[in-house]
C-alpha cells in the first residue's frame, strides 16, 4: 500500500521538479492489474459511473518466462492533496479486493490538456 508519507514526498517532488500547481485540477491515471482481461473489464462500469475514463487495457512488456497479465488504465481530471490521494488509493485497493483483482497498482499524474479532460 502506498503510504501517506510517500504521497507527501511525491507532491513535494512534483512541486520542486515539474513545478506544477497541484492545487489545480490535474490528470490522474490509475492502474489495476490481473491475469484475467475479463475481470478487469468487469470493474470498468463501476469506474466509469464514478467519472473515470477508460484509457487502455494492455499486456505490459514482460521479462522472459514471466506469466502474461493485463493492465487497466483509467483517468480523471481532479484535484488531490496527499491526504485525498491516500483516501482515493484506499478506495481503489478495496475495489481491487472486492472484485478479486490481482492488484491496484497505483497512479500517475500530469497536467490536464485538451477539451476531453
N, C-alpha and C. Protein backbone atom coordinates (compact mmCIF):
# COMPACT_ATOMS: atom_id res chain seq x y z
N UNK A 1 0.85 -1.19 0.00
CA UNK A 1 0.00 0.00 0.00
C UNK A 1 0.89 1.25 0.00
N UNK A 2 0.50 2.23 -0.78
CA UNK A 2 1.25 3.48 -0.86
C UNK A 2 0.95 4.30 0.39
N UNK A 3 1.99 4.68 1.11
CA UNK A 3 1.81 5.38 2.39
C UNK A 3 1.56 6.88 2.18
N UNK A 4 0.99 7.50 3.20
CA UNK A 4 0.77 8.94 3.17
C UNK A 4 2.11 9.68 3.07
N UNK A 5 3.12 9.19 3.76
CA UNK A 5 4.45 9.81 3.69
C UNK A 5 4.99 9.77 2.26
N UNK A 6 4.81 8.64 1.58
CA UNK A 6 5.26 8.53 0.19
C UNK A 6 4.53 9.54 -0.70
N UNK A 7 3.23 9.72 -0.45
CA UNK A 7 2.46 10.68 -1.24
C UNK A 7 2.90 12.11 -0.95
N UNK A 8 3.17 12.41 0.31
CA UNK A 8 3.67 13.74 0.65
C UNK A 8 4.99 14.01 -0.06
N UNK A 9 5.87 13.02 -0.09
CA UNK A 9 7.15 13.16 -0.78
C UNK A 9 6.94 13.33 -2.28
N UNK A 10 5.99 12.58 -2.85
CA UNK A 10 5.69 12.70 -4.27
C UNK A 10 5.22 14.11 -4.62
N UNK A 11 4.31 14.66 -3.82
CA UNK A 11 3.80 16.01 -4.07
C UNK A 11 4.93 17.04 -3.98
N UNK A 12 5.79 16.89 -2.99
CA UNK A 12 6.92 17.81 -2.84
C UNK A 12 7.85 17.71 -4.04
N UNK A 13 8.12 16.51 -4.49
CA UNK A 13 8.98 16.30 -5.65
C UNK A 13 8.38 16.92 -6.91
N UNK A 14 7.08 16.79 -7.08
CA UNK A 14 6.42 17.39 -8.24
C UNK A 14 6.52 18.91 -8.18
N UNK A 15 6.27 19.49 -7.01
CA UNK A 15 6.36 20.95 -6.87
C UNK A 15 7.77 21.43 -7.21
N UNK A 16 8.76 20.74 -6.68
CA UNK A 16 10.15 21.16 -6.89
C UNK A 16 10.64 20.85 -8.30
N UNK A 17 10.29 19.67 -8.82
CA UNK A 17 10.81 19.24 -10.11
C UNK A 17 10.03 19.79 -11.29
N UNK A 18 8.78 19.40 -11.39
CA UNK A 18 7.95 19.80 -12.53
C UNK A 18 7.41 21.21 -12.38
N UNK A 19 7.27 21.66 -11.13
CA UNK A 19 6.75 22.99 -10.88
C UNK A 19 5.25 23.13 -11.12
N UNK A 20 4.54 22.02 -11.13
CA UNK A 20 3.09 22.07 -11.34
C UNK A 20 2.39 22.59 -10.10
N UNK A 21 1.30 23.33 -10.32
CA UNK A 21 0.45 23.81 -9.23
C UNK A 21 -0.55 22.71 -8.90
N UNK A 22 -0.25 21.94 -7.87
CA UNK A 22 -1.08 20.79 -7.54
C UNK A 22 -2.41 21.18 -6.89
N UNK A 23 -2.62 22.48 -6.67
CA UNK A 23 -3.93 22.91 -6.16
C UNK A 23 -4.94 23.06 -7.30
N UNK A 24 -4.48 22.89 -8.53
CA UNK A 24 -5.35 22.96 -9.71
C UNK A 24 -5.68 21.54 -10.18
N UNK A 25 -6.76 21.39 -10.95
CA UNK A 25 -7.06 20.05 -11.47
C UNK A 25 -5.91 19.51 -12.32
N UNK A 26 -5.58 18.26 -12.09
CA UNK A 26 -4.54 17.55 -12.83
C UNK A 26 -5.17 16.29 -13.42
N UNK A 27 -4.50 15.70 -14.40
CA UNK A 27 -4.99 14.45 -14.98
C UNK A 27 -4.34 13.29 -14.23
N UNK A 28 -5.16 12.58 -13.47
CA UNK A 28 -4.68 11.45 -12.66
C UNK A 28 -5.01 10.15 -13.39
N UNK A 29 -4.00 9.31 -13.57
CA UNK A 29 -4.18 7.99 -14.14
C UNK A 29 -4.07 6.95 -13.05
N UNK A 30 -4.93 5.94 -13.10
CA UNK A 30 -4.96 4.90 -12.08
C UNK A 30 -4.85 3.54 -12.77
N UNK A 31 -4.11 2.62 -12.16
CA UNK A 31 -3.78 1.34 -12.78
C UNK A 31 -4.21 0.16 -11.92
N UNK A 32 -4.81 -0.82 -12.59
CA UNK A 32 -5.18 -2.08 -11.96
C UNK A 32 -4.57 -3.20 -12.80
N UNK A 33 -4.24 -4.32 -12.16
CA UNK A 33 -3.77 -5.43 -12.99
C UNK A 33 -4.35 -6.76 -12.52
N UNK A 34 -4.41 -7.67 -13.50
CA UNK A 34 -4.91 -9.01 -13.25
C UNK A 34 -4.52 -9.91 -14.41
N UNK A 35 -4.51 -11.21 -14.16
CA UNK A 35 -4.24 -12.18 -15.22
C UNK A 35 -5.44 -12.31 -16.16
N UNK A 36 -6.61 -11.88 -15.70
CA UNK A 36 -7.84 -12.02 -16.48
C UNK A 36 -8.29 -10.67 -17.05
N UNK A 37 -8.33 -10.60 -18.37
CA UNK A 37 -8.84 -9.40 -19.04
C UNK A 37 -10.31 -9.16 -18.63
N UNK A 38 -11.07 -10.25 -18.55
CA UNK A 38 -12.50 -10.15 -18.23
C UNK A 38 -12.73 -9.56 -16.84
N UNK A 39 -11.91 -9.95 -15.87
CA UNK A 39 -12.08 -9.39 -14.52
C UNK A 39 -11.81 -7.89 -14.53
N UNK A 40 -10.80 -7.46 -15.27
CA UNK A 40 -10.52 -6.02 -15.36
C UNK A 40 -11.66 -5.30 -16.07
N UNK A 41 -12.18 -5.90 -17.12
CA UNK A 41 -13.30 -5.30 -17.83
C UNK A 41 -14.53 -5.18 -16.94
N UNK A 42 -14.67 -6.09 -15.98
CA UNK A 42 -15.85 -6.08 -15.10
C UNK A 42 -15.87 -4.87 -14.17
N UNK A 43 -14.73 -4.27 -13.88
CA UNK A 43 -14.72 -3.10 -13.00
C UNK A 43 -14.91 -1.80 -13.77
N UNK A 44 -14.80 -1.85 -15.10
CA UNK A 44 -14.93 -0.61 -15.89
C UNK A 44 -16.26 0.13 -15.66
N UNK A 45 -17.40 -0.55 -15.69
CA UNK A 45 -18.65 0.18 -15.47
C UNK A 45 -18.69 0.89 -14.11
N UNK A 46 -18.12 0.27 -13.10
CA UNK A 46 -18.08 0.89 -11.77
C UNK A 46 -17.24 2.16 -11.81
N UNK A 47 -16.07 2.06 -12.43
CA UNK A 47 -15.18 3.22 -12.52
C UNK A 47 -15.78 4.32 -13.40
N UNK A 48 -16.37 3.93 -14.52
CA UNK A 48 -16.97 4.92 -15.43
C UNK A 48 -18.15 5.62 -14.77
N UNK A 49 -18.90 4.89 -13.96
CA UNK A 49 -20.03 5.50 -13.24
C UNK A 49 -19.53 6.61 -12.30
N UNK A 50 -18.31 6.45 -11.80
CA UNK A 50 -17.72 7.45 -10.92
C UNK A 50 -16.92 8.52 -11.67
N UNK A 51 -17.06 8.54 -13.00
CA UNK A 51 -16.45 9.61 -13.79
C UNK A 51 -15.06 9.33 -14.31
N UNK A 52 -14.58 8.10 -14.15
CA UNK A 52 -13.26 7.75 -14.69
C UNK A 52 -13.40 7.36 -16.15
N UNK A 53 -12.42 7.75 -16.94
CA UNK A 53 -12.44 7.49 -18.37
C UNK A 53 -11.48 6.35 -18.68
N UNK A 54 -11.98 5.37 -19.45
CA UNK A 54 -11.14 4.26 -19.89
C UNK A 54 -10.05 4.81 -20.81
N UNK A 55 -8.81 4.37 -20.58
CA UNK A 55 -7.68 4.77 -21.43
C UNK A 55 -7.14 3.57 -22.19
N UNK A 56 -6.85 2.49 -21.48
CA UNK A 56 -6.21 1.36 -22.14
C UNK A 56 -6.33 0.10 -21.29
N UNK A 57 -6.32 -1.02 -21.97
CA UNK A 57 -6.23 -2.34 -21.34
C UNK A 57 -5.19 -3.09 -22.15
N UNK A 58 -4.05 -3.39 -21.55
CA UNK A 58 -2.92 -3.88 -22.34
C UNK A 58 -2.08 -4.88 -21.55
N UNK A 59 -1.29 -5.64 -22.28
CA UNK A 59 -0.30 -6.52 -21.68
C UNK A 59 1.01 -5.75 -21.66
N UNK A 60 1.62 -5.56 -20.49
CA UNK A 60 2.87 -4.81 -20.42
C UNK A 60 4.03 -5.63 -20.99
N UNK A 61 5.16 -4.96 -21.24
CA UNK A 61 6.37 -5.69 -21.62
C UNK A 61 6.73 -6.65 -20.49
N UNK A 62 6.99 -7.87 -20.85
CA UNK A 62 7.24 -8.89 -19.85
C UNK A 62 8.68 -9.40 -19.94
N UNK A 63 9.23 -9.75 -18.80
CA UNK A 63 10.53 -10.42 -18.78
C UNK A 63 10.35 -11.83 -19.31
N UNK A 64 11.41 -12.38 -19.87
CA UNK A 64 11.34 -13.73 -20.41
C UNK A 64 10.89 -14.70 -19.32
N UNK A 65 9.90 -15.52 -19.68
CA UNK A 65 9.38 -16.50 -18.75
C UNK A 65 8.31 -15.98 -17.80
N UNK A 66 8.07 -14.67 -17.80
CA UNK A 66 7.06 -14.09 -16.91
C UNK A 66 5.67 -14.38 -17.46
N UNK A 67 4.76 -14.78 -16.59
CA UNK A 67 3.39 -15.08 -17.00
C UNK A 67 2.69 -13.79 -17.44
N UNK A 68 1.95 -13.85 -18.54
CA UNK A 68 1.27 -12.65 -19.02
C UNK A 68 0.17 -12.19 -18.06
N UNK A 69 -0.02 -10.90 -18.02
CA UNK A 69 -1.10 -10.30 -17.25
C UNK A 69 -1.49 -9.00 -17.93
N UNK A 70 -2.60 -8.43 -17.50
CA UNK A 70 -3.15 -7.23 -18.13
C UNK A 70 -3.11 -6.06 -17.17
N UNK A 71 -2.93 -4.87 -17.74
CA UNK A 71 -3.03 -3.61 -17.01
C UNK A 71 -4.25 -2.87 -17.53
N UNK A 72 -5.04 -2.33 -16.63
CA UNK A 72 -6.14 -1.43 -16.96
C UNK A 72 -5.75 -0.04 -16.49
N UNK A 73 -5.88 0.94 -17.38
CA UNK A 73 -5.62 2.34 -17.02
C UNK A 73 -6.89 3.13 -17.23
N UNK A 74 -7.27 3.87 -16.18
CA UNK A 74 -8.37 4.83 -16.27
C UNK A 74 -7.82 6.18 -15.81
N UNK A 75 -8.52 7.25 -16.16
CA UNK A 75 -8.05 8.56 -15.74
C UNK A 75 -9.21 9.50 -15.47
N UNK A 76 -8.87 10.55 -14.73
CA UNK A 76 -9.87 11.55 -14.37
C UNK A 76 -9.15 12.83 -13.99
N UNK A 77 -9.69 13.94 -14.43
CA UNK A 77 -9.18 15.23 -14.02
C UNK A 77 -9.75 15.58 -12.65
N UNK A 78 -8.86 15.78 -11.69
CA UNK A 78 -9.32 16.11 -10.34
C UNK A 78 -8.18 16.75 -9.55
N UNK A 79 -8.55 17.37 -8.45
CA UNK A 79 -7.57 17.98 -7.55
C UNK A 79 -7.35 17.03 -6.38
N UNK A 80 -6.09 16.80 -6.06
CA UNK A 80 -5.75 15.99 -4.89
C UNK A 80 -4.66 16.68 -4.09
N UNK A 81 -4.70 16.42 -2.80
CA UNK A 81 -3.56 16.70 -1.93
C UNK A 81 -3.14 15.32 -1.42
N UNK A 82 -2.05 15.23 -0.69
CA UNK A 82 -1.63 13.88 -0.25
C UNK A 82 -2.72 13.11 0.50
N UNK A 83 -3.46 13.78 1.35
CA UNK A 83 -4.49 13.09 2.14
C UNK A 83 -5.63 12.58 1.26
N UNK A 84 -6.09 13.39 0.32
CA UNK A 84 -7.20 12.95 -0.54
C UNK A 84 -6.75 11.85 -1.49
N UNK A 85 -5.50 11.91 -1.95
CA UNK A 85 -4.99 10.85 -2.82
C UNK A 85 -4.80 9.56 -2.03
N UNK A 86 -4.40 9.67 -0.79
CA UNK A 86 -4.28 8.50 0.08
C UNK A 86 -5.66 7.82 0.22
N UNK A 87 -6.70 8.64 0.40
CA UNK A 87 -8.07 8.13 0.52
C UNK A 87 -8.50 7.46 -0.79
N UNK A 88 -8.21 8.12 -1.94
CA UNK A 88 -8.58 7.55 -3.24
C UNK A 88 -7.89 6.20 -3.42
N UNK A 89 -6.60 6.13 -3.09
CA UNK A 89 -5.87 4.87 -3.21
C UNK A 89 -6.50 3.80 -2.33
N UNK A 90 -6.88 4.15 -1.11
CA UNK A 90 -7.53 3.18 -0.22
C UNK A 90 -8.81 2.65 -0.86
N UNK A 91 -9.58 3.53 -1.49
CA UNK A 91 -10.81 3.10 -2.17
C UNK A 91 -10.49 2.13 -3.30
N UNK A 92 -9.41 2.42 -4.04
CA UNK A 92 -9.06 1.55 -5.17
C UNK A 92 -8.46 0.23 -4.72
N UNK A 93 -7.70 0.21 -3.61
CA UNK A 93 -7.24 -1.07 -3.06
C UNK A 93 -8.45 -1.92 -2.67
N UNK A 94 -9.44 -1.29 -2.06
CA UNK A 94 -10.65 -2.02 -1.65
C UNK A 94 -11.43 -2.51 -2.87
N UNK A 95 -11.52 -1.69 -3.91
CA UNK A 95 -12.22 -2.09 -5.13
C UNK A 95 -11.54 -3.31 -5.76
N UNK A 96 -10.22 -3.27 -5.83
CA UNK A 96 -9.47 -4.40 -6.39
C UNK A 96 -9.73 -5.68 -5.58
N UNK A 97 -9.75 -5.54 -4.28
CA UNK A 97 -10.03 -6.70 -3.43
C UNK A 97 -11.45 -7.20 -3.62
N UNK A 98 -12.41 -6.28 -3.68
CA UNK A 98 -13.82 -6.65 -3.83
C UNK A 98 -14.06 -7.41 -5.13
N UNK A 99 -13.35 -7.03 -6.20
CA UNK A 99 -13.54 -7.68 -7.49
C UNK A 99 -12.54 -8.82 -7.73
N UNK A 100 -11.72 -9.12 -6.74
CA UNK A 100 -10.79 -10.23 -6.85
C UNK A 100 -9.66 -9.99 -7.84
N UNK A 101 -9.29 -8.72 -8.06
CA UNK A 101 -8.20 -8.41 -8.97
C UNK A 101 -6.87 -8.70 -8.29
N UNK A 102 -5.85 -8.95 -9.10
CA UNK A 102 -4.52 -9.19 -8.53
C UNK A 102 -4.05 -7.98 -7.75
N UNK A 103 -4.27 -6.76 -8.28
CA UNK A 103 -3.86 -5.58 -7.51
C UNK A 103 -4.36 -4.27 -8.12
N UNK A 104 -4.43 -3.27 -7.26
CA UNK A 104 -4.46 -1.87 -7.67
C UNK A 104 -2.98 -1.49 -7.66
N UNK A 105 -2.50 -0.94 -8.76
CA UNK A 105 -1.06 -0.78 -8.93
C UNK A 105 -0.59 0.67 -8.83
N UNK A 106 -1.46 1.57 -8.37
CA UNK A 106 -1.01 2.94 -8.16
C UNK A 106 -1.47 3.90 -9.24
N UNK A 107 -0.81 5.06 -9.26
CA UNK A 107 -1.29 6.15 -10.09
C UNK A 107 -0.12 6.91 -10.70
N UNK A 108 -0.47 7.75 -11.67
CA UNK A 108 0.46 8.74 -12.17
C UNK A 108 -0.32 10.04 -12.36
N UNK A 109 0.38 11.11 -12.66
CA UNK A 109 -0.26 12.41 -12.77
C UNK A 109 0.45 13.25 -13.81
N UNK A 110 -0.33 14.09 -14.46
CA UNK A 110 0.21 15.04 -15.42
C UNK A 110 -0.74 16.20 -15.56
N UNK A 111 -0.31 17.22 -16.28
CA UNK A 111 -1.19 18.38 -16.50
C UNK A 111 -2.42 17.99 -17.32
N UNK A 112 -3.52 18.65 -17.06
CA UNK A 112 -4.71 18.49 -17.89
C UNK A 112 -4.40 19.14 -19.24
N UNK A 113 -4.85 18.49 -20.31
CA UNK A 113 -4.70 19.10 -21.62
C UNK A 113 -5.82 18.61 -22.52
N UNK A 114 -6.26 19.47 -23.38
CA UNK A 114 -7.31 19.09 -24.33
C UNK A 114 -8.69 19.23 -23.75
N UNK A 115 -9.70 19.34 -24.65
CA UNK A 115 -11.08 19.59 -24.23
C UNK A 115 -11.77 18.39 -23.60
N UNK A 116 -11.24 17.16 -23.82
CA UNK A 116 -11.95 15.99 -23.29
C UNK A 116 -11.51 15.63 -21.88
N UNK A 117 -10.68 16.43 -21.27
CA UNK A 117 -10.26 16.18 -19.91
C UNK A 117 -10.77 17.29 -19.06
